[in-house]
PDB file of N, CA and C in Angstrom:
ATOM      1  N   UNK A   1      -0.763  22.752  -8.179  1.00  0.00           N
ATOM      2  CA  UNK A   1      -1.126  22.030  -9.386  1.00  0.00           C
ATOM      3  C   UNK A   1      -0.378  20.707  -9.489  1.00  0.00           C
ATOM      4  N   UNK A   2       0.896  20.705  -9.151  1.00  0.00           N
ATOM      5  CA  UNK A   2       1.697  19.486  -9.240  1.00  0.00           C
ATOM      6  C   UNK A   2       1.147  18.407  -8.317  1.00  0.00           C
ATOM      7  N   UNK A   3       0.729  18.783  -7.097  1.00  0.00           N
ATOM      8  CA  UNK A   3       0.174  17.804  -6.164  1.00  0.00           C
ATOM      9  C   UNK A   3      -1.079  17.150  -6.727  1.00  0.00           C
ATOM     10  N   UNK A   4      -1.931  17.938  -7.378  1.00  0.00           N
ATOM     11  CA  UNK A   4      -3.162  17.386  -7.944  1.00  0.00           C
ATOM     12  C   UNK A   4      -2.855  16.395  -9.054  1.00  0.00           C
ATOM     13  N   UNK A   5      -1.893  16.714  -9.912  1.00  0.00           N
ATOM     14  CA  UNK A   5      -1.501  15.794 -10.980  1.00  0.00           C
ATOM     15  C   UNK A   5      -0.934  14.530 -10.366  1.00  0.00           C
ATOM     16  N   UNK A   6      -0.088  14.687  -9.389  1.00  0.00           N
ATOM     17  CA  UNK A   6       0.517  13.548  -8.709  1.00  0.00           C
ATOM     18  C   UNK A   6      -0.563  12.694  -8.045  1.00  0.00           C
ATOM     19  N   UNK A   7      -1.512  13.328  -7.372  1.00  0.00           N
ATOM     20  CA  UNK A   7      -2.605  12.599  -6.736  1.00  0.00           C
ATOM     21  C   UNK A   7      -3.420  11.842  -7.775  1.00  0.00           C
ATOM     22  N   UNK A   8      -3.692  12.476  -8.904  1.00  0.00           N
ATOM     23  CA  UNK A   8      -4.464  11.825  -9.964  1.00  0.00           C
ATOM     24  C   UNK A   8      -3.734  10.596 -10.496  1.00  0.00           C
ATOM     25  N   UNK A   9      -2.429  10.705 -10.679  1.00  0.00           N
ATOM     26  CA  UNK A   9      -1.644   9.563 -11.155  1.00  0.00           C
ATOM     27  C   UNK A   9      -1.662   8.429 -10.136  1.00  0.00           C
ATOM     28  N   UNK A  10      -1.554   8.759  -8.859  1.00  0.00           N
ATOM     29  CA  UNK A  10      -1.602   7.741  -7.809  1.00  0.00           C
ATOM     30  C   UNK A  10      -2.953   7.038  -7.785  1.00  0.00           C
ATOM     31  N   UNK A  11      -4.011   7.798  -7.939  1.00  0.00           N
ATOM     32  CA  UNK A  11      -5.355   7.216  -7.950  1.00  0.00           C
ATOM     33  C   UNK A  11      -5.513   6.261  -9.124  1.00  0.00           C
ATOM     34  N   UNK A  12      -5.017   6.651 -10.289  1.00  0.00           N
ATOM     35  CA  UNK A  12      -5.086   5.779 -11.469  1.00  0.00           C
ATOM     36  C   UNK A  12      -4.315   4.491 -11.231  1.00  0.00           C
ATOM     37  N   UNK A  13      -3.098   4.606 -10.682  1.00  0.00           N
ATOM     38  CA  UNK A  13      -2.300   3.409 -10.393  1.00  0.00           C
ATOM     39  C   UNK A  13      -3.009   2.495  -9.402  1.00  0.00           C
ATOM     40  N   UNK A  14      -3.613   3.056  -8.390  1.00  0.00           N
ATOM     41  CA  UNK A  14      -4.318   2.242  -7.401  1.00  0.00           C
ATOM     42  C   UNK A  14      -5.543   1.566  -8.007  1.00  0.00           C
ATOM     43  N   UNK A  15      -6.250   2.265  -8.854  1.00  0.00           N
ATOM     44  CA  UNK A  15      -7.455   1.686  -9.462  1.00  0.00           C
ATOM     45  C   UNK A  15      -7.126   0.533 -10.401  1.00  0.00           C
ATOM     46  N   UNK A  16      -5.893   0.461 -10.854  1.00  0.00           N
ATOM     47  CA  UNK A  16      -5.477  -0.632 -11.740  1.00  0.00           C
ATOM     48  C   UNK A  16      -5.214  -1.926 -10.980  1.00  0.00           C
ATOM     49  N   UNK A  17      -5.136  -1.870  -9.662  1.00  0.00           N
ATOM     50  CA  UNK A  17      -4.773  -3.052  -8.880  1.00  0.00           C
ATOM     51  C   UNK A  17      -5.660  -3.207  -7.647  1.00  0.00           C
ATOM     52  N   UNK A  18      -6.536  -4.203  -7.682  1.00  0.00           N
ATOM     53  CA  UNK A  18      -7.390  -4.492  -6.524  1.00  0.00           C
ATOM     54  C   UNK A  18      -6.549  -4.867  -5.306  1.00  0.00           C
ATOM     55  N   UNK A  19      -5.442  -5.574  -5.542  1.00  0.00           N
ATOM     56  CA  UNK A  19      -4.589  -5.996  -4.428  1.00  0.00           C
ATOM     57  C   UNK A  19      -3.991  -4.792  -3.723  1.00  0.00           C
ATOM     58  N   UNK A  20      -3.439  -3.843  -4.489  1.00  0.00           N
ATOM     59  CA  UNK A  20      -2.878  -2.634  -3.870  1.00  0.00           C
ATOM     60  C   UNK A  20      -3.966  -1.875  -3.113  1.00  0.00           C
ATOM     61  N   UNK A  21      -5.159  -1.812  -3.695  1.00  0.00           N
ATOM     62  CA  UNK A  21      -6.272  -1.134  -3.027  1.00  0.00           C
ATOM     63  C   UNK A  21      -6.611  -1.804  -1.702  1.00  0.00           C
ATOM     64  N   UNK A  22      -6.690  -3.127  -1.711  1.00  0.00           N
ATOM     65  CA  UNK A  22      -7.058  -3.862  -0.497  1.00  0.00           C
ATOM     66  C   UNK A  22      -6.012  -3.702   0.601  1.00  0.00           C
ATOM     67  N   UNK A  23      -4.738  -3.753   0.212  1.00  0.00           N
ATOM     68  CA  UNK A  23      -3.660  -3.602   1.194  1.00  0.00           C
ATOM     69  C   UNK A  23      -3.689  -2.195   1.783  1.00  0.00           C
ATOM     70  N   UNK A  24      -3.802  -1.182   0.923  1.00  0.00           N
ATOM     71  CA  UNK A  24      -3.843   0.193   1.418  1.00  0.00           C
ATOM     72  C   UNK A  24      -5.084   0.422   2.282  1.00  0.00           C
ATOM     73  N   UNK A  25      -6.221  -0.090   1.864  1.00  0.00           N
ATOM     74  CA  UNK A  25      -7.449   0.067   2.646  1.00  0.00           C
ATOM     75  C   UNK A  25      -7.276  -0.505   4.054  1.00  0.00           C
ATOM     76  N   UNK A  26      -6.682  -1.677   4.147  1.00  0.00           N
ATOM     77  CA  UNK A  26      -6.476  -2.283   5.466  1.00  0.00           C
ATOM     78  C   UNK A  26      -5.541  -1.424   6.319  1.00  0.00           C
ATOM     79  N   UNK A  27      -4.420  -0.995   5.738  1.00  0.00           N
ATOM     80  CA  UNK A  27      -3.464  -0.203   6.515  1.00  0.00           C
ATOM     81  C   UNK A  27      -4.052   1.143   6.938  1.00  0.00           C
ATOM     82  N   UNK A  28      -4.869   1.744   6.079  1.00  0.00           N
ATOM     83  CA  UNK A  28      -5.540   2.998   6.448  1.00  0.00           C
ATOM     84  C   UNK A  28      -6.537   2.733   7.582  1.00  0.00           C
ATOM     85  N   UNK A  29      -7.201   1.580   7.541  1.00  0.00           N
ATOM     86  CA  UNK A  29      -8.207   1.271   8.567  1.00  0.00           C
ATOM     87  C   UNK A  29      -7.596   1.075   9.953  1.00  0.00           C
ATOM     88  N   UNK A  30      -6.319   0.696  10.022  1.00  0.00           N
ATOM     89  CA  UNK A  30      -5.675   0.504  11.331  1.00  0.00           C
ATOM     90  C   UNK A  30      -4.720   1.648  11.673  1.00  0.00           C
ATOM     91  N   UNK A  31      -4.631   2.655  10.787  1.00  0.00           N
ATOM     92  CA  UNK A  31      -3.732   3.797  10.985  1.00  0.00           C
ATOM     93  C   UNK A  31      -3.998   4.441  12.337  1.00  0.00           C
ATOM     94  N   UNK A  32      -3.003   4.777  13.121  1.00  0.00           N
ATOM     95  CA  UNK A  32      -1.568   4.816  12.867  1.00  0.00           C
ATOM     96  C   UNK A  32      -0.821   3.533  13.247  1.00  0.00           C
ATOM     97  N   UNK A  33      -1.536   2.455  13.496  1.00  0.00           N
ATOM     98  CA  UNK A  33      -0.888   1.186  13.840  1.00  0.00           C
ATOM     99  C   UNK A  33      -0.170   0.602  12.628  1.00  0.00           C
ATOM    100  N   UNK A  34       0.759  -0.312  12.895  1.00  0.00           N
ATOM    101  CA  UNK A  34       1.517  -1.002  11.854  1.00  0.00           C
ATOM    102  C   UNK A  34       1.081  -2.458  11.793  1.00  0.00           C
ATOM    103  N   UNK A  35       1.490  -3.138  10.710  1.00  0.00           N
ATOM    104  CA  UNK A  35       1.145  -4.544  10.564  1.00  0.00           C
ATOM    105  C   UNK A  35       2.225  -5.273   9.783  1.00  0.00           C
ATOM    106  N   UNK A  36       2.336  -6.580  10.048  1.00  0.00           N
ATOM    107  CA  UNK A  36       3.244  -7.451   9.305  1.00  0.00           C
ATOM    108  C   UNK A  36       2.548  -7.935   8.034  1.00  0.00           C
ATOM    109  N   UNK A  37       3.314  -8.233   6.982  1.00  0.00           N
ATOM    110  CA  UNK A  37       2.700  -8.736   5.746  1.00  0.00           C
ATOM    111  C   UNK A  37       1.816  -9.969   5.962  1.00  0.00           C
ATOM    112  N   UNK A  38       2.244 -10.893   6.804  1.00  0.00           N
ATOM    113  CA  UNK A  38       1.439 -12.102   7.037  1.00  0.00           C
ATOM    114  C   UNK A  38       0.101 -11.762   7.696  1.00  0.00           C
ATOM    115  N   UNK A  39       0.113 -10.797   8.597  1.00  0.00           N
ATOM    116  CA  UNK A  39      -1.129 -10.373   9.243  1.00  0.00           C
ATOM    117  C   UNK A  39      -2.045  -9.680   8.237  1.00  0.00           C
ATOM    118  N   UNK A  40      -1.467  -8.834   7.392  1.00  0.00           N
ATOM    119  CA  UNK A  40      -2.253  -8.152   6.357  1.00  0.00           C
ATOM    120  C   UNK A  40      -2.915  -9.197   5.464  1.00  0.00           C
ATOM    121  N   UNK A  41      -2.131 -10.176   5.007  1.00  0.00           N
ATOM    122  CA  UNK A  41      -2.653 -11.221   4.122  1.00  0.00           C
ATOM    123  C   UNK A  41      -3.814 -11.965   4.786  1.00  0.00           C
ATOM    124  N   UNK A  42      -3.656 -12.300   6.043  1.00  0.00           N
ATOM    125  CA  UNK A  42      -4.699 -13.020   6.777  1.00  0.00           C
ATOM    126  C   UNK A  42      -5.967 -12.173   6.908  1.00  0.00           C
ATOM    127  N   UNK A  43      -5.802 -10.904   7.235  1.00  0.00           N
ATOM    128  CA  UNK A  43      -6.956 -10.029   7.478  1.00  0.00           C
ATOM    129  C   UNK A  43      -7.751  -9.722   6.210  1.00  0.00           C
ATOM    130  N   UNK A  44      -7.058  -9.634   5.065  1.00  0.00           N
ATOM    131  CA  UNK A  44      -7.769  -9.282   3.827  1.00  0.00           C
ATOM    132  C   UNK A  44      -7.940 -10.481   2.895  1.00  0.00           C
ATOM    133  N   UNK A  45      -7.578 -11.661   3.379  1.00  0.00           N
ATOM    134  CA  UNK A  45      -7.794 -12.913   2.660  1.00  0.00           C
ATOM    135  C   UNK A  45      -7.093 -12.948   1.295  1.00  0.00           C
ATOM    136  N   UNK A  46      -5.803 -12.607   1.310  1.00  0.00           N
ATOM    137  CA  UNK A  46      -4.964 -12.706   0.116  1.00  0.00           C
ATOM    138  C   UNK A  46      -3.748 -13.553   0.441  1.00  0.00           C
ATOM    139  N   UNK A  47      -3.071 -14.014  -0.591  1.00  0.00           N
ATOM    140  CA  UNK A  47      -1.828 -14.764  -0.384  1.00  0.00           C
ATOM    141  C   UNK A  47      -0.721 -13.795   0.008  1.00  0.00           C
ATOM    142  N   UNK A  48       0.215 -14.300   0.790  1.00  0.00           N
ATOM    143  CA  UNK A  48       1.328 -13.485   1.273  1.00  0.00           C
ATOM    144  C   UNK A  48       2.137 -12.899   0.121  1.00  0.00           C
ATOM    145  N   UNK A  49       2.382 -13.679  -0.935  1.00  0.00           N
ATOM    146  CA  UNK A  49       3.174 -13.159  -2.051  1.00  0.00           C
ATOM    147  C   UNK A  49       2.457 -12.012  -2.772  1.00  0.00           C
ATOM    148  N   UNK A  50       1.134 -12.025  -2.785  1.00  0.00           N
ATOM    149  CA  UNK A  50       0.385 -10.920  -3.387  1.00  0.00           C
ATOM    150  C   UNK A  50       0.538  -9.649  -2.550  1.00  0.00           C
ATOM    151  N   UNK A  51       0.444  -9.799  -1.244  1.00  0.00           N
ATOM    152  CA  UNK A  51       0.584  -8.654  -0.336  1.00  0.00           C
ATOM    153  C   UNK A  51       1.990  -8.072  -0.434  1.00  0.00           C
ATOM    154  N   UNK A  52       3.002  -8.943  -0.409  1.00  0.00           N
ATOM    155  CA  UNK A  52       4.392  -8.470  -0.513  1.00  0.00           C
ATOM    156  C   UNK A  52       4.639  -7.785  -1.853  1.00  0.00           C
ATOM    157  N   UNK A  53       4.047  -8.307  -2.915  1.00  0.00           N
ATOM    158  CA  UNK A  53       4.178  -7.677  -4.229  1.00  0.00           C
ATOM    159  C   UNK A  53       3.560  -6.289  -4.260  1.00  0.00           C
ATOM    160  N   UNK A  54       2.386  -6.152  -3.676  1.00  0.00           N
ATOM    161  CA  UNK A  54       1.728  -4.843  -3.632  1.00  0.00           C
ATOM    162  C   UNK A  54       2.523  -3.851  -2.790  1.00  0.00           C
ATOM    163  N   UNK A  55       3.105  -4.327  -1.707  1.00  0.00           N
ATOM    164  CA  UNK A  55       3.870  -3.448  -0.817  1.00  0.00           C
ATOM    165  C   UNK A  55       5.215  -3.041  -1.405  1.00  0.00           C
ATOM    166  N   UNK A  56       5.953  -4.014  -1.961  1.00  0.00           N
ATOM    167  CA  UNK A  56       7.345  -3.779  -2.373  1.00  0.00           C
ATOM    168  C   UNK A  56       7.632  -3.978  -3.851  1.00  0.00           C
ATOM    169  N   UNK A  57       6.708  -4.567  -4.578  1.00  0.00           N
ATOM    170  CA  UNK A  57       6.956  -4.928  -5.964  1.00  0.00           C
ATOM    171  C   UNK A  57       7.471  -6.354  -6.039  1.00  0.00           C
ATOM    172  N   UNK A  58       7.270  -6.984  -7.180  1.00  0.00           N
ATOM    173  CA  UNK A  58       7.796  -8.333  -7.411  1.00  0.00           C
ATOM    174  C   UNK A  58       8.072  -8.481  -8.897  1.00  0.00           C
ATOM    175  N   UNK A  59       9.068  -9.273  -9.253  1.00  0.00           N
ATOM    176  CA  UNK A  59       9.474  -9.361 -10.656  1.00  0.00           C
ATOM    177  C   UNK A  59       8.374  -9.860 -11.595  1.00  0.00           C
ATOM    178  N   UNK A  60       7.498 -10.717 -11.111  1.00  0.00           N
ATOM    179  CA  UNK A  60       6.522 -11.336 -12.000  1.00  0.00           C
ATOM    180  C   UNK A  60       5.231 -10.558 -12.189  1.00  0.00           C
ATOM    181  N   UNK A  61       4.853  -9.758 -11.213  1.00  0.00           N
ATOM    182  CA  UNK A  61       3.526  -9.155 -11.291  1.00  0.00           C
ATOM    183  C   UNK A  61       3.484  -7.653 -11.030  1.00  0.00           C
ATOM    184  N   UNK A  62       4.220  -7.188 -10.041  1.00  0.00           N
ATOM    185  CA  UNK A  62       4.142  -5.783  -9.636  1.00  0.00           C
ATOM    186  C   UNK A  62       5.466  -5.082  -9.885  1.00  0.00           C
ATOM    187  N   UNK A  63       5.399  -3.967 -10.580  1.00  0.00           N
ATOM    188  CA  UNK A  63       6.615  -3.173 -10.780  1.00  0.00           C
ATOM    189  C   UNK A  63       6.971  -2.497  -9.456  1.00  0.00           C
ATOM    190  N   UNK A  64       8.260  -2.535  -9.131  1.00  0.00           N
ATOM    191  CA  UNK A  64       8.705  -1.932  -7.872  1.00  0.00           C
ATOM    192  C   UNK A  64       8.370  -0.448  -7.820  1.00  0.00           C
ATOM    193  N   UNK A  65       8.501   0.247  -8.955  1.00  0.00           N
ATOM    194  CA  UNK A  65       8.236   1.691  -8.972  1.00  0.00           C
ATOM    195  C   UNK A  65       6.769   2.013  -8.673  1.00  0.00           C
ATOM    196  N   UNK A  66       5.880   1.031  -8.863  1.00  0.00           N
ATOM    197  CA  UNK A  66       4.460   1.225  -8.581  1.00  0.00           C
ATOM    198  C   UNK A  66       4.019   0.586  -7.266  1.00  0.00           C
ATOM    199  N   UNK A  67       4.979   0.151  -6.461  1.00  0.00           N
ATOM    200  CA  UNK A  67       4.632  -0.465  -5.178  1.00  0.00           C
ATOM    201  C   UNK A  67       4.168   0.610  -4.195  1.00  0.00           C
ATOM    202  N   UNK A  68       3.395   0.198  -3.226  1.00  0.00           N
ATOM    203  CA  UNK A  68       2.871   1.150  -2.239  1.00  0.00           C
ATOM    204  C   UNK A  68       3.980   1.866  -1.485  1.00  0.00           C
ATOM    205  N   UNK A  69       5.071   1.162  -1.215  1.00  0.00           N
ATOM    206  CA  UNK A  69       6.197   1.781  -0.504  1.00  0.00           C
ATOM    207  C   UNK A  69       6.875   2.820  -1.394  1.00  0.00           C
ATOM    208  N   UNK A  70       7.189   2.462  -2.641  1.00  0.00           N
ATOM    209  CA  UNK A  70       7.874   3.400  -3.547  1.00  0.00           C
ATOM    210  C   UNK A  70       7.007   4.611  -3.879  1.00  0.00           C
ATOM    211  N   UNK A  71       5.694   4.424  -3.894  1.00  0.00           N
ATOM    212  CA  UNK A  71       4.789   5.538  -4.176  1.00  0.00           C
ATOM    213  C   UNK A  71       4.613   6.461  -2.971  1.00  0.00           C
ATOM    214  N   UNK A  72       5.142   6.046  -1.824  1.00  0.00           N
ATOM    215  CA  UNK A  72       5.052   6.873  -0.623  1.00  0.00           C
ATOM    216  C   UNK A  72       3.727   6.765   0.107  1.00  0.00           C
ATOM    217  N   UNK A  73       2.940   5.740  -0.226  1.00  0.00           N
ATOM    218  CA  UNK A  73       1.638   5.571   0.405  1.00  0.00           C
ATOM    219  C   UNK A  73       1.721   4.726   1.672  1.00  0.00           C
ATOM    220  N   UNK A  74       2.810   3.961   1.767  1.00  0.00           N
ATOM    221  CA  UNK A  74       3.040   3.080   2.914  1.00  0.00           C
ATOM    222  C   UNK A  74       4.490   3.225   3.346  1.00  0.00           C
ATOM    223  N   UNK A  75       4.710   3.205   4.661  1.00  0.00           N
ATOM    224  CA  UNK A  75       6.066   3.284   5.212  1.00  0.00           C
ATOM    225  C   UNK A  75       6.481   1.897   5.682  1.00  0.00           C
ATOM    226  N   UNK A  76       7.726   1.533   5.378  1.00  0.00           N
ATOM    227  CA  UNK A  76       8.282   0.228   5.749  1.00  0.00           C
ATOM    228  C   UNK A  76       9.327   0.442   6.836  1.00  0.00           C
ATOM    229  N   UNK A  77       9.165  -0.264   7.959  1.00  0.00           N
ATOM    230  CA  UNK A  77      10.116  -0.157   9.066  1.00  0.00           C
ATOM    231  C   UNK A  77      10.656  -1.536   9.406  1.00  0.00           C
ATOM    232  N   UNK A  78      11.973  -1.628   9.530  1.00  0.00           N
ATOM    233  CA  UNK A  78      12.583  -2.904   9.873  1.00  0.00           C
ATOM    234  C   UNK A  78      12.585  -3.106  11.384  1.00  0.00           C
ATOM    235  N   UNK A  79      12.191  -4.295  11.803  1.00  0.00           N
ATOM    236  CA  UNK A  79      12.311  -4.700  13.201  1.00  0.00           C
ATOM    237  C   UNK A  79      13.490  -5.667  13.267  1.00  0.00           C
ATOM    238  N   UNK A  80      13.690  -6.318  14.390  1.00  0.00           N
ATOM    239  CA  UNK A  80      14.823  -7.241  14.511  1.00  0.00           C
ATOM    240  C   UNK A  80      14.758  -8.378  13.500  1.00  0.00           C
ATOM    241  N   UNK A  81      13.574  -8.899  13.246  1.00  0.00           N
ATOM    242  CA  UNK A  81      13.476 -10.083  12.397  1.00  0.00           C
ATOM    243  C   UNK A  81      12.526  -9.946  11.214  1.00  0.00           C
ATOM    244  N   UNK A  82      11.891  -8.805  11.057  1.00  0.00           N
ATOM    245  CA  UNK A  82      10.889  -8.666  10.004  1.00  0.00           C
ATOM    246  C   UNK A  82      10.693  -7.191   9.650  1.00  0.00           C
ATOM    247  N   UNK A  83       9.642  -6.928   8.893  1.00  0.00           N
ATOM    248  CA  UNK A  83       9.286  -5.561   8.529  1.00  0.00           C
ATOM    249  C   UNK A  83       7.854  -5.280   8.950  1.00  0.00           C
ATOM    250  N   UNK A  84       7.629  -4.055   9.376  1.00  0.00           N
ATOM    251  CA  UNK A  84       6.293  -3.569   9.693  1.00  0.00           C
ATOM    252  C   UNK A  84       5.908  -2.516   8.668  1.00  0.00           C
ATOM    253  N   UNK A  85       4.640  -2.463   8.321  1.00  0.00           N
ATOM    254  CA  UNK A  85       4.147  -1.514   7.331  1.00  0.00           C
ATOM    255  C   UNK A  85       3.046  -0.667   7.941  1.00  0.00           C
ATOM    256  N   UNK A  86       3.099   0.638   7.637  1.00  0.00           N
ATOM    257  CA  UNK A  86       2.138   1.604   8.151  1.00  0.00           C
ATOM    258  C   UNK A  86       1.701   2.509   7.008  1.00  0.00           C
ATOM    259  N   UNK A  87       0.429   2.818   6.938  1.00  0.00           N
ATOM    260  CA  UNK A  87      -0.033   3.806   5.965  1.00  0.00           C
ATOM    261  C   UNK A  87       0.584   5.156   6.321  1.00  0.00           C
ATOM    262  N   UNK A  88       0.956   5.921   5.310  1.00  0.00           N
ATOM    263  CA  UNK A  88       1.469   7.271   5.537  1.00  0.00           C
ATOM    264  C   UNK A  88       0.302   8.259   5.505  1.00  0.00           C
ATOM    265  N   UNK A  89       0.565   9.495   5.889  1.00  0.00           N
ATOM    266  CA  UNK A  89      -0.469  10.531   5.779  1.00  0.00           C
ATOM    267  C   UNK A  89      -0.911  10.672   4.325  1.00  0.00           C
ATOM    268  N   UNK A  90       0.060  10.598   3.419  1.00  0.00           N
ATOM    269  CA  UNK A  90      -0.237  10.678   1.986  1.00  0.00           C
ATOM    270  C   UNK A  90      -1.130   9.512   1.563  1.00  0.00           C
ATOM    271  N   UNK A  91      -0.837   8.317   2.066  1.00  0.00           N
ATOM    272  CA  UNK A  91      -1.649   7.144   1.753  1.00  0.00           C
ATOM    273  C   UNK A  91      -3.081   7.304   2.235  1.00  0.00           C
ATOM    274  N   UNK A  92      -3.243   7.839   3.433  1.00  0.00           N
ATOM    275  CA  UNK A  92      -4.583   8.080   3.984  1.00  0.00           C
ATOM    276  C   UNK A  92      -5.333   9.106   3.141  1.00  0.00           C
ATOM    277  N   UNK A  93      -4.630  10.148   2.734  1.00  0.00           N
ATOM    278  CA  UNK A  93      -5.241  11.207   1.918  1.00  0.00           C
ATOM    279  C   UNK A  93      -5.710  10.657   0.574  1.00  0.00           C
ATOM    280  N   UNK A  94      -4.857   9.887  -0.086  1.00  0.00           N
ATOM    281  CA  UNK A  94      -5.204   9.318  -1.392  1.00  0.00           C
ATOM    282  C   UNK A  94      -6.371   8.351  -1.248  1.00  0.00           C
ATOM    283  N   UNK A  95      -6.366   7.545  -0.189  1.00  0.00           N
ATOM    284  CA  UNK A  95      -7.463   6.600   0.019  1.00  0.00           C
ATOM    285  C   UNK A  95      -8.790   7.342   0.184  1.00  0.00           C
ATOM    286  N   UNK A  96      -8.779   8.456   0.908  1.00  0.00           N
ATOM    287  CA  UNK A  96     -10.001   9.246   1.084  1.00  0.00           C
ATOM    288  C   UNK A  96     -10.472   9.835  -0.246  1.00  0.00           C
ATOM    289  N   UNK A  97      -9.524  10.269  -1.090  1.00  0.00           N
ATOM    290  CA  UNK A  97      -9.890  10.809  -2.402  1.00  0.00           C
ATOM    291  C   UNK A  97     -10.530   9.740  -3.286  1.00  0.00           C
ATOM    292  N   UNK A  98     -10.023   8.521  -3.217  1.00  0.00           N
ATOM    293  CA  UNK A  98     -10.564   7.425  -4.026  1.00  0.00           C
ATOM    294  C   UNK A  98     -11.994   7.105  -3.605  1.00  0.00           C
ATOM    295  N   UNK A  99     -12.267   7.235  -2.333  1.00  0.00           N
ATOM    296  CA  UNK A  99     -13.566   6.821  -1.802  1.00  0.00           C
ATOM    297  C   UNK A  99     -14.557   7.956  -1.600  1.00  0.00           C
ATOM    298  N   UNK A 100     -14.361   9.060  -2.282  1.00  0.00           N
ATOM    299  CA  UNK A 100     -15.319  10.178  -2.197  1.00  0.00           C
ATOM    300  C   UNK A 100     -16.576   9.833  -2.945  1.00  0.00           C
TER     301      UNK A 100
END
Protein backbone atom coordinates (compact mmCIF):
# COMPACT_ATOMS: atom_id res chain seq x y z
CA UNK A 1 0.00 0.00 0.00
CA UNK A 2 2.79 2.44 0.85
CA UNK A 3 4.43 1.93 -2.56
CA UNK A 4 1.17 2.76 -4.34
CA UNK A 5 0.73 5.97 -2.33
CA UNK A 6 4.34 6.88 -2.99
CA UNK A 7 3.93 6.14 -6.71
CA UNK A 8 0.78 8.26 -6.84
CA UNK A 9 2.57 11.19 -5.19
CA UNK A 10 5.47 10.88 -7.65
CA UNK A 11 3.08 10.85 -10.59
CA UNK A 12 1.34 13.99 -9.31
CA UNK A 13 4.69 15.77 -8.86
CA UNK A 14 5.77 14.81 -12.37
CA UNK A 15 2.50 15.94 -13.92
CA UNK A 16 3.02 19.38 -12.39
CA UNK A 17 6.22 19.93 -14.39
CA UNK A 18 6.57 19.45 -18.15
CA UNK A 19 10.32 19.97 -17.80
CA UNK A 20 10.72 17.13 -15.28
CA UNK A 21 8.56 14.94 -17.52
CA UNK A 22 10.66 15.71 -20.60
CA UNK A 23 13.96 15.07 -18.80
CA UNK A 24 12.74 11.78 -17.32
CA UNK A 25 11.24 10.69 -20.65
CA UNK A 26 14.56 11.24 -22.40
CA UNK A 27 16.57 9.39 -19.74
CA UNK A 28 14.10 6.48 -19.79
CA UNK A 29 14.36 6.37 -23.60
CA UNK A 30 18.15 5.87 -23.44
CA UNK A 31 18.10 3.62 -20.33
CA UNK A 32 20.46 2.07 -19.20
CA UNK A 33 22.77 4.64 -20.84
CA UNK A 34 23.72 7.88 -19.07
CA UNK A 35 23.77 11.45 -20.32
CA UNK A 36 25.26 14.85 -19.47
CA UNK A 37 22.91 17.76 -18.70
CA UNK A 38 24.07 19.66 -21.81
CA UNK A 39 23.31 16.66 -24.01
CA UNK A 40 19.88 16.23 -22.40
CA UNK A 41 19.11 19.92 -22.99
CA UNK A 42 20.16 19.67 -26.63
CA UNK A 43 18.17 16.48 -27.29
CA UNK A 44 14.91 17.73 -25.74
CA UNK A 45 15.30 21.36 -26.83
CA UNK A 46 15.37 22.99 -23.39
CA UNK A 47 17.77 25.42 -21.76
CA UNK A 48 20.55 23.92 -19.66
CA UNK A 49 19.40 25.73 -16.50
CA UNK A 50 15.92 24.20 -16.88
CA UNK A 51 17.37 20.69 -17.21
CA UNK A 52 19.70 21.19 -14.23
CA UNK A 53 16.78 22.53 -12.18
CA UNK A 54 14.64 19.50 -13.00
CA UNK A 55 17.49 17.13 -12.17
CA UNK A 56 18.83 18.76 -8.98
CA UNK A 57 16.52 21.60 -8.02
CA UNK A 58 17.21 25.32 -8.23
CA UNK A 59 16.46 28.18 -5.85
CA UNK A 60 14.26 30.12 -8.27
CA UNK A 61 12.05 27.49 -9.84
CA UNK A 62 12.46 23.89 -8.67
CA UNK A 63 12.45 22.72 -5.08
CA UNK A 64 15.39 20.42 -4.41
CA UNK A 65 13.14 17.95 -2.56
CA UNK A 66 11.08 17.57 -5.76
CA UNK A 67 14.05 17.15 -8.09
CA UNK A 68 14.36 13.96 -10.11
CA UNK A 69 17.51 12.98 -8.22
CA UNK A 70 16.02 13.54 -4.73
CA UNK A 71 12.86 11.66 -5.73
CA UNK A 72 15.00 8.67 -6.69
CA UNK A 73 13.88 8.69 -10.31
CA UNK A 74 17.32 9.59 -11.65
CA UNK A 75 20.80 8.61 -10.46
CA UNK A 76 23.63 11.17 -10.48
CA UNK A 77 27.21 9.95 -10.95
CA UNK A 78 30.28 12.14 -10.78
CA UNK A 79 32.95 11.78 -13.44
CA UNK A 80 36.33 13.53 -13.39
CA UNK A 81 34.95 16.83 -14.64
CA UNK A 82 31.16 16.58 -14.72
CA UNK A 83 28.08 14.59 -13.76
CA UNK A 84 26.25 11.87 -15.64
CA UNK A 85 22.56 11.14 -15.12
CA UNK A 86 20.76 7.83 -15.59
CA UNK A 87 17.13 6.88 -15.11
CA UNK A 88 16.68 4.47 -12.20
CA UNK A 89 14.50 1.36 -12.27
CA UNK A 90 12.03 3.33 -10.15
CA UNK A 91 12.11 6.17 -12.69
CA UNK A 92 11.39 3.76 -15.54
CA UNK A 93 8.52 2.20 -13.58
CA UNK A 94 6.93 5.57 -12.77
CA UNK A 95 7.30 6.72 -16.38
CA UNK A 96 5.48 3.58 -17.58
CA UNK A 97 2.67 4.20 -15.06
CA UNK A 98 2.24 7.78 -16.29
CA UNK A 99 1.98 6.64 -19.89
CA UNK A 100 -0.55 3.82 -19.46
